[in-house]
Amino acid sequence: MTRRLPPRETLTVEFKSDLKKLPDRELIEALVCLANAEGGELWLGVEDDATPTGLHAEHRMLEGLAGMVAARTSPSLSV
C-alpha cells in the first residue's frame, strides 16, 4: 500500500530531516512523544515544509531502525 505524504505537520504527524543523519536520541525522542500523546506518524527524511529529501544511508534498513528503537526504549516501543 502506497501512502501519501501529508501536506503539513499536525499533532499526529511529525516530519524529521535526515540529510545529516538525525541522531538516534532525537529519533527516539520524537517517537516517544508521539506514543505518549495520541499516537501518530513520524516521516523521517522530510523537511518541516513537507519537502521529501530522503533518508541517510544508515537509516535505509527499516528492520534495523525498528530494532534500534525497541532496544532503546523501556517498555519496548514497537514501530
PDB file of N, CA and C in Angstrom:
ATOM      1  N   MET A   1       0.843  -1.178   0.000  1.00  0.00           N
ATOM      2  CA  MET A   1       0.000   0.000   0.000  1.00  0.00           C
ATOM      3  C   MET A   1       0.888   1.241   0.000  1.00  0.00           C
ATOM      4  N   THR A   2       0.661   2.126  -0.926  1.00  0.00           N
ATOM      5  CA  THR A   2       1.424   3.363  -1.014  1.00  0.00           C
ATOM      6  C   THR A   2       0.720   4.440  -0.199  1.00  0.00           C
ATOM      7  N   ARG A   3       1.477   5.111   0.666  1.00  0.00           N
ATOM      8  CA  ARG A   3       0.933   6.186   1.496  1.00  0.00           C
ATOM      9  C   ARG A   3       1.303   7.512   0.879  1.00  0.00           C
ATOM     10  N   ARG A   4       0.427   8.467   0.999  1.00  0.00           N
ATOM     11  CA  ARG A   4       0.688   9.827   0.522  1.00  0.00           C
ATOM     12  C   ARG A   4       1.299  10.645   1.638  1.00  0.00           C
ATOM     13  N   LEU A   5       2.255  11.462   1.279  1.00  0.00           N
ATOM     14  CA  LEU A   5       2.887  12.362   2.231  1.00  0.00           C
ATOM     15  C   LEU A   5       1.863  13.406   2.672  1.00  0.00           C
ATOM     16  N   PRO A   6       1.631  13.547   3.974  1.00  0.00           N
ATOM     17  CA  PRO A   6       0.704  14.578   4.442  1.00  0.00           C
ATOM     18  C   PRO A   6       1.201  15.965   4.026  1.00  0.00           C
ATOM     19  N   PRO A   7       0.292  16.911   3.812  1.00  0.00           N
ATOM     20  CA  PRO A   7       0.693  18.233   3.328  1.00  0.00           C
ATOM     21  C   PRO A   7       1.415  19.092   4.372  1.00  0.00           C
ATOM     22  N   ARG A   8       1.263  18.744   5.655  1.00  0.00           N
ATOM     23  CA  ARG A   8       1.874  19.546   6.729  1.00  0.00           C
ATOM     24  C   ARG A   8       1.947  18.728   8.013  1.00  0.00           C
ATOM     25  N   GLU A   9       2.707  19.244   8.958  1.00  0.00           N
ATOM     26  CA  GLU A   9       2.763  18.628  10.284  1.00  0.00           C
ATOM     27  C   GLU A   9       1.484  18.967  11.055  1.00  0.00           C
ATOM     28  N   THR A  10       1.100  18.041  11.927  1.00  0.00           N
ATOM     29  CA  THR A  10      -0.049  18.239  12.814  1.00  0.00           C
ATOM     30  C   THR A  10       0.326  17.666  14.166  1.00  0.00           C
ATOM     31  N   LEU A  11      -0.637  17.551  15.066  1.00  0.00           N
ATOM     32  CA  LEU A  11      -0.364  16.937  16.367  1.00  0.00           C
ATOM     33  C   LEU A  11      -0.021  15.459  16.240  1.00  0.00           C
ATOM     34  N   THR A  12      -0.429  14.836  15.146  1.00  0.00           N
ATOM     35  CA  THR A  12      -0.164  13.407  14.963  1.00  0.00           C
ATOM     36  C   THR A  12       0.736  13.105  13.760  1.00  0.00           C
ATOM     37  N   VAL A  13       1.281  14.125  13.128  1.00  0.00           N
ATOM     38  CA  VAL A  13       2.213  13.962  12.002  1.00  0.00           C
ATOM     39  C   VAL A  13       3.441  14.811  12.274  1.00  0.00           C
ATOM     40  N   GLU A  14       4.593  14.169  12.288  1.00  0.00           N
ATOM     41  CA  GLU A  14       5.864  14.860  12.554  1.00  0.00           C
ATOM     42  C   GLU A  14       6.825  14.573  11.417  1.00  0.00           C
ATOM     43  N   PHE A  15       7.438  15.626  10.887  1.00  0.00           N
ATOM     44  CA  PHE A  15       8.467  15.494   9.858  1.00  0.00           C
ATOM     45  C   PHE A  15       9.835  15.687  10.500  1.00  0.00           C
ATOM     46  N   LYS A  16      10.794  14.863  10.125  1.00  0.00           N
ATOM     47  CA  LYS A  16      12.175  14.994  10.609  1.00  0.00           C
ATOM     48  C   LYS A  16      13.139  14.883   9.435  1.00  0.00           C
ATOM     49  N   SER A  17      13.994  15.869   9.307  1.00  0.00           N
ATOM     50  CA  SER A  17      15.037  15.835   8.287  1.00  0.00           C
ATOM     51  C   SER A  17      16.043  14.748   8.632  1.00  0.00           C
ATOM     52  N   ASP A  18      16.578  14.101   7.614  1.00  0.00           N
ATOM     53  CA  ASP A  18      17.584  13.064   7.829  1.00  0.00           C
ATOM     54  C   ASP A  18      18.784  13.277   6.912  1.00  0.00           C
ATOM     55  N   LEU A  19      18.915  14.488   6.359  1.00  0.00           N
ATOM     56  CA  LEU A  19      20.018  14.769   5.444  1.00  0.00           C
ATOM     57  C   LEU A  19      21.378  14.556   6.095  1.00  0.00           C
ATOM     58  N   LYS A  20      21.513  14.964   7.348  1.00  0.00           N
ATOM     59  CA  LYS A  20      22.787  14.851   8.068  1.00  0.00           C
ATOM     60  C   LYS A  20      22.734  13.748   9.116  1.00  0.00           C
ATOM     61  N   LYS A  21      21.853  12.769   8.944  1.00  0.00           N
ATOM     62  CA  LYS A  21      21.613  11.673   9.872  1.00  0.00           C
ATOM     63  C   LYS A  21      21.091  12.190  11.203  1.00  0.00           C
ATOM     64  N   LEU A  22      19.788  12.134  11.340  1.00  0.00           N
ATOM     65  CA  LEU A  22      19.147  12.508  12.593  1.00  0.00           C
ATOM     66  C   LEU A  22      19.734  11.644  13.705  1.00  0.00           C
ATOM     67  N   PRO A  23      20.226  12.262  14.779  1.00  0.00           N
ATOM     68  CA  PRO A  23      20.787  11.457  15.864  1.00  0.00           C
ATOM     69  C   PRO A  23      19.743  10.479  16.425  1.00  0.00           C
ATOM     70  N   ASP A  24      20.194   9.275  16.768  1.00  0.00           N
ATOM     71  CA  ASP A  24      19.285   8.256  17.293  1.00  0.00           C
ATOM     72  C   ASP A  24      18.480   8.786  18.473  1.00  0.00           C
ATOM     73  N   ARG A  25      19.120   9.555  19.334  1.00  0.00           N
ATOM     74  CA  ARG A  25      18.442  10.101  20.515  1.00  0.00           C
ATOM     75  C   ARG A  25      17.235  10.953  20.112  1.00  0.00           C
ATOM     76  N   GLU A  26      17.399  11.791  19.079  1.00  0.00           N
ATOM     77  CA  GLU A  26      16.309  12.661  18.629  1.00  0.00           C
ATOM     78  C   GLU A  26      15.209  11.865  17.932  1.00  0.00           C
ATOM     79  N   LEU A  27      15.583  10.837  17.202  1.00  0.00           N
ATOM     80  CA  LEU A  27      14.603   9.976  16.556  1.00  0.00           C
ATOM     81  C   LEU A  27      13.735   9.283  17.603  1.00  0.00           C
ATOM     82  N   ILE A  28      14.368   8.709  18.605  1.00  0.00           N
ATOM     83  CA  ILE A  28      13.630   8.020  19.659  1.00  0.00           C
ATOM     84  C   ILE A  28      12.767   9.003  20.439  1.00  0.00           C
ATOM     85  N   GLU A  29      13.293  10.184  20.737  1.00  0.00           N
ATOM     86  CA  GLU A  29      12.517  11.197  21.461  1.00  0.00           C
ATOM     87  C   GLU A  29      11.238  11.561  20.702  1.00  0.00           C
ATOM     88  N   ALA A  30      11.344  11.751  19.400  1.00  0.00           N
ATOM     89  CA  ALA A  30      10.171  12.098  18.598  1.00  0.00           C
ATOM     90  C   ALA A  30       9.135  10.970  18.626  1.00  0.00           C
ATOM     91  N   LEU A  31       9.588   9.728  18.527  1.00  0.00           N
ATOM     92  CA  LEU A  31       8.676   8.590  18.557  1.00  0.00           C
ATOM     93  C   LEU A  31       8.003   8.432  19.914  1.00  0.00           C
ATOM     94  N   VAL A  32       8.759   8.615  20.978  1.00  0.00           N
ATOM     95  CA  VAL A  32       8.190   8.507  22.323  1.00  0.00           C
ATOM     96  C   VAL A  32       7.166   9.613  22.554  1.00  0.00           C
ATOM     97  N   CYS A  33       7.449  10.820  22.081  1.00  0.00           N
ATOM     98  CA  CYS A  33       6.491  11.922  22.214  1.00  0.00           C
ATOM     99  C   CYS A  33       5.181  11.585  21.509  1.00  0.00           C
ATOM    100  N   LEU A  34       5.268  11.053  20.307  1.00  0.00           N
ATOM    101  CA  LEU A  34       4.053  10.662  19.589  1.00  0.00           C
ATOM    102  C   LEU A  34       3.312   9.550  20.338  1.00  0.00           C
ATOM    103  N   ALA A  35       4.061   8.565  20.844  1.00  0.00           N
ATOM    104  CA  ALA A  35       3.439   7.447  21.555  1.00  0.00           C
ATOM    105  C   ALA A  35       2.769   7.892  22.848  1.00  0.00           C
ATOM    106  N   ASN A  36       3.330   8.899  23.507  1.00  0.00           N
ATOM    107  CA  ASN A  36       2.773   9.381  24.771  1.00  0.00           C
ATOM    108  C   ASN A  36       1.590  10.324  24.571  1.00  0.00           C
ATOM    109  N   ALA A  37       1.341  10.730  23.348  1.00  0.00           N
ATOM    110  CA  ALA A  37       0.205  11.594  23.053  1.00  0.00           C
ATOM    111  C   ALA A  37      -0.887  10.727  22.419  1.00  0.00           C
ATOM    112  N   GLU A  38      -1.414  11.152  21.308  1.00  0.00           N
ATOM    113  CA  GLU A  38      -2.481  10.414  20.628  1.00  0.00           C
ATOM    114  C   GLU A  38      -1.944   9.350  19.680  1.00  0.00           C
ATOM    115  N   GLY A  39      -0.633   9.190  19.625  1.00  0.00           N
ATOM    116  CA  GLY A  39      -0.036   8.333  18.605  1.00  0.00           C
ATOM    117  C   GLY A  39       0.177   9.177  17.369  1.00  0.00           C
ATOM    118  N   GLY A  40       0.616   8.581  16.303  1.00  0.00           N
ATOM    119  CA  GLY A  40       0.800   9.346  15.086  1.00  0.00           C
ATOM    120  C   GLY A  40       1.847   8.749  14.188  1.00  0.00           C
ATOM    121  N   GLU A  41       2.319   9.579  13.274  1.00  0.00           N
ATOM    122  CA  GLU A  41       3.266   9.145  12.258  1.00  0.00           C
ATOM    123  C   GLU A  41       4.488  10.041  12.254  1.00  0.00           C
ATOM    124  N   LEU A  42       5.648   9.426  12.220  1.00  0.00           N
ATOM    125  CA  LEU A  42       6.898  10.153  12.040  1.00  0.00           C
ATOM    126  C   LEU A  42       7.356   9.894  10.614  1.00  0.00           C
ATOM    127  N   TRP A  43       7.550  10.969   9.869  1.00  0.00           N
ATOM    128  CA  TRP A  43       8.031  10.879   8.491  1.00  0.00           C
ATOM    129  C   TRP A  43       9.489  11.296   8.494  1.00  0.00           C
ATOM    130  N   LEU A  44      10.368  10.311   8.498  1.00  0.00           N
ATOM    131  CA  LEU A  44      11.803  10.553   8.507  1.00  0.00           C
ATOM    132  C   LEU A  44      12.261  10.811   7.074  1.00  0.00           C
ATOM    133  N   GLY A  45      13.067  11.855   6.896  1.00  0.00           N
ATOM    134  CA  GLY A  45      13.537  12.200   5.565  1.00  0.00           C
ATOM    135  C   GLY A  45      12.670  13.243   4.891  1.00  0.00           C
ATOM    136  N   VAL A  46      11.894  13.978   5.721  1.00  0.00           N
ATOM    137  CA  VAL A  46      11.007  15.015   5.211  1.00  0.00           C
ATOM    138  C   VAL A  46      11.288  16.295   5.996  1.00  0.00           C
ATOM    139  N   GLU A  47      11.437  17.402   5.271  1.00  0.00           N
ATOM    140  CA  GLU A  47      11.703  18.694   5.911  1.00  0.00           C
ATOM    141  C   GLU A  47      10.415  19.261   6.514  1.00  0.00           C
ATOM    142  N   ASP A  48      10.540  20.267   7.383  1.00  0.00           N
ATOM    143  CA  ASP A  48       9.383  20.871   8.049  1.00  0.00           C
ATOM    144  C   ASP A  48       8.362  21.437   7.068  1.00  0.00           C
ATOM    145  N   ASP A  49       8.795  21.808   5.868  1.00  0.00           N
ATOM    146  CA  ASP A  49       7.867  22.358   4.882  1.00  0.00           C
ATOM    147  C   ASP A  49       7.252  21.265   3.986  1.00  0.00           C
ATOM    148  N   ALA A  50       7.404  20.006   4.400  1.00  0.00           N
ATOM    149  CA  ALA A  50       6.849  18.829   3.715  1.00  0.00           C
ATOM    150  C   ALA A  50       7.598  18.455   2.446  1.00  0.00           C
ATOM    151  N   THR A  51       8.811  18.936   2.285  1.00  0.00           N
ATOM    152  CA  THR A  51       9.632  18.560   1.136  1.00  0.00           C
ATOM    153  C   THR A  51      10.375  17.261   1.456  1.00  0.00           C
ATOM    154  N   PRO A  52      10.137  16.200   0.697  1.00  0.00           N
ATOM    155  CA  PRO A  52      10.883  14.958   0.931  1.00  0.00           C
ATOM    156  C   PRO A  52      12.327  15.106   0.450  1.00  0.00           C
ATOM    157  N   THR A  53      13.270  14.781   1.314  1.00  0.00           N
ATOM    158  CA  THR A  53      14.683  14.902   0.962  1.00  0.00           C
ATOM    159  C   THR A  53      15.430  13.582   1.095  1.00  0.00           C
ATOM    160  N   GLY A  54      14.787  12.550   1.607  1.00  0.00           N
ATOM    161  CA  GLY A  54      15.391  11.225   1.653  1.00  0.00           C
ATOM    162  C   GLY A  54      16.046  10.870   2.971  1.00  0.00           C
ATOM    163  N   LEU A  55      16.366   9.595   3.069  1.00  0.00           N
ATOM    164  CA  LEU A  55      16.963   9.038   4.276  1.00  0.00           C
ATOM    165  C   LEU A  55      18.479   8.995   4.182  1.00  0.00           C
ATOM    166  N   HIS A  56      19.112   9.174   5.306  1.00  0.00           N
ATOM    167  CA  HIS A  56      20.556   8.969   5.409  1.00  0.00           C
ATOM    168  C   HIS A  56      20.815   7.477   5.172  1.00  0.00           C
ATOM    169  N   ALA A  57      21.956   7.142   4.628  1.00  0.00           N
ATOM    170  CA  ALA A  57      22.285   5.748   4.302  1.00  0.00           C
ATOM    171  C   ALA A  57      22.137   4.812   5.498  1.00  0.00           C
ATOM    172  N   GLU A  58      22.454   5.287   6.697  1.00  0.00           N
ATOM    173  CA  GLU A  58      22.366   4.429   7.889  1.00  0.00           C
ATOM    174  C   GLU A  58      20.929   4.197   8.350  1.00  0.00           C
ATOM    175  N   HIS A  59      19.967   4.915   7.794  1.00  0.00           N
ATOM    176  CA  HIS A  59      18.568   4.749   8.197  1.00  0.00           C
ATOM    177  C   HIS A  59      17.716   4.079   7.117  1.00  0.00           C
ATOM    178  N   ARG A  60      18.345   3.544   6.094  1.00  0.00           N
ATOM    179  CA  ARG A  60      17.578   2.959   4.991  1.00  0.00           C
ATOM    180  C   ARG A  60      17.110   1.541   5.262  1.00  0.00           C
ATOM    181  N   MET A  61      17.707   0.853   6.212  1.00  0.00           N
ATOM    182  CA  MET A  61      17.278  -0.503   6.542  1.00  0.00           C
ATOM    183  C   MET A  61      16.231  -0.418   7.653  1.00  0.00           C
ATOM    184  N   LEU A  62      14.964  -0.484   7.276  1.00  0.00           N
ATOM    185  CA  LEU A  62      13.878  -0.242   8.220  1.00  0.00           C
ATOM    186  C   LEU A  62      13.832  -1.252   9.357  1.00  0.00           C
ATOM    187  N   GLU A  63      14.193  -2.500   9.097  1.00  0.00           N
ATOM    188  CA  GLU A  63      14.191  -3.505  10.159  1.00  0.00           C
ATOM    189  C   GLU A  63      15.190  -3.114  11.251  1.00  0.00           C
ATOM    190  N   GLY A  64      16.338  -2.628  10.840  1.00  0.00           N
ATOM    191  CA  GLY A  64      17.342  -2.196  11.806  1.00  0.00           C
ATOM    192  C   GLY A  64      16.882  -1.010  12.622  1.00  0.00           C
ATOM    193  N   LEU A  65      16.159  -0.097  12.002  1.00  0.00           N
ATOM    194  CA  LEU A  65      15.633   1.070  12.699  1.00  0.00           C
ATOM    195  C   LEU A  65      14.625   0.644  13.766  1.00  0.00           C
ATOM    196  N   ALA A  66      13.708  -0.242  13.406  1.00  0.00           N
ATOM    197  CA  ALA A  66      12.700  -0.712  14.362  1.00  0.00           C
ATOM    198  C   ALA A  66      13.360  -1.428  15.536  1.00  0.00           C
ATOM    199  N   GLY A  67      14.370  -2.230  15.264  1.00  0.00           N
ATOM    200  CA  GLY A  67      15.091  -2.934  16.324  1.00  0.00           C
ATOM    201  C   GLY A  67      15.828  -1.984  17.245  1.00  0.00           C
ATOM    202  N   MET A  68      16.433  -0.945  16.679  1.00  0.00           N
ATOM    203  CA  MET A  68      17.150   0.043  17.479  1.00  0.00           C
ATOM    204  C   MET A  68      16.193   0.770  18.422  1.00  0.00           C
ATOM    205  N   VAL A  69      15.024   1.143  17.921  1.00  0.00           N
ATOM    206  CA  VAL A  69      14.034   1.829  18.758  1.00  0.00           C
ATOM    207  C   VAL A  69      13.554   0.902  19.870  1.00  0.00           C
ATOM    208  N   ALA A  70      13.239  -0.328  19.532  1.00  0.00           N
ATOM    209  CA  ALA A  70      12.761  -1.286  20.536  1.00  0.00           C
ATOM    210  C   ALA A  70      13.807  -1.533  21.614  1.00  0.00           C
ATOM    211  N   ALA A  71      15.074  -1.607  21.218  1.00  0.00           N
ATOM    212  CA  ALA A  71      16.149  -1.889  22.172  1.00  0.00           C
ATOM    213  C   ALA A  71      16.436  -0.707  23.101  1.00  0.00           C
ATOM    214  N   ARG A  72      16.131   0.501  22.661  1.00  0.00           N
ATOM    215  CA  ARG A  72      16.486   1.693  23.451  1.00  0.00           C
ATOM    216  C   ARG A  72      15.310   2.313  24.179  1.00  0.00           C
ATOM    217  N   THR A  73      14.160   1.672  24.190  1.00  0.00           N
ATOM    218  CA  THR A  73      13.015   2.189  24.940  1.00  0.00           C
ATOM    219  C   THR A  73      12.546   1.136  25.934  1.00  0.00           C
ATOM    220  N   SER A  74      11.983   1.600  27.023  1.00  0.00           N
ATOM    221  CA  SER A  74      11.515   0.682  28.061  1.00  0.00           C
ATOM    222  C   SER A  74      10.203   1.212  28.642  1.00  0.00           C
ATOM    223  N   PRO A  75       9.110   0.498  28.452  1.00  0.00           N
ATOM    224  CA  PRO A  75       8.997  -0.757  27.712  1.00  0.00           C
ATOM    225  C   PRO A  75       9.278  -0.526  26.234  1.00  0.00           C
ATOM    226  N   SER A  76       9.587  -1.600  25.537  1.00  0.00           N
ATOM    227  CA  SER A  76       9.956  -1.503  24.127  1.00  0.00           C
ATOM    228  C   SER A  76       8.839  -0.859  23.324  1.00  0.00           C
ATOM    229  N   LEU A  77       9.207   0.120  22.516  1.00  0.00           N
ATOM    230  CA  LEU A  77       8.264   0.807  21.642  1.00  0.00           C
ATOM    231  C   LEU A  77       8.286   0.115  20.291  1.00  0.00           C
ATOM    232  N   SER A  78       7.149  -0.354  19.857  1.00  0.00           N
ATOM    233  CA  SER A  78       7.038  -1.032  18.571  1.00  0.00           C
ATOM    234  C   SER A  78       6.721  -0.009  17.496  1.00  0.00           C
ATOM    235  N   VAL A  79       7.534   0.011  16.434  1.00  0.00           N
ATOM    236  CA  VAL A  79       7.304   0.970  15.336  1.00  0.00           C
ATOM    237  C   VAL A  79       7.150   0.234  14.030  1.00  0.00           C
TER     238      VAL A  79
END
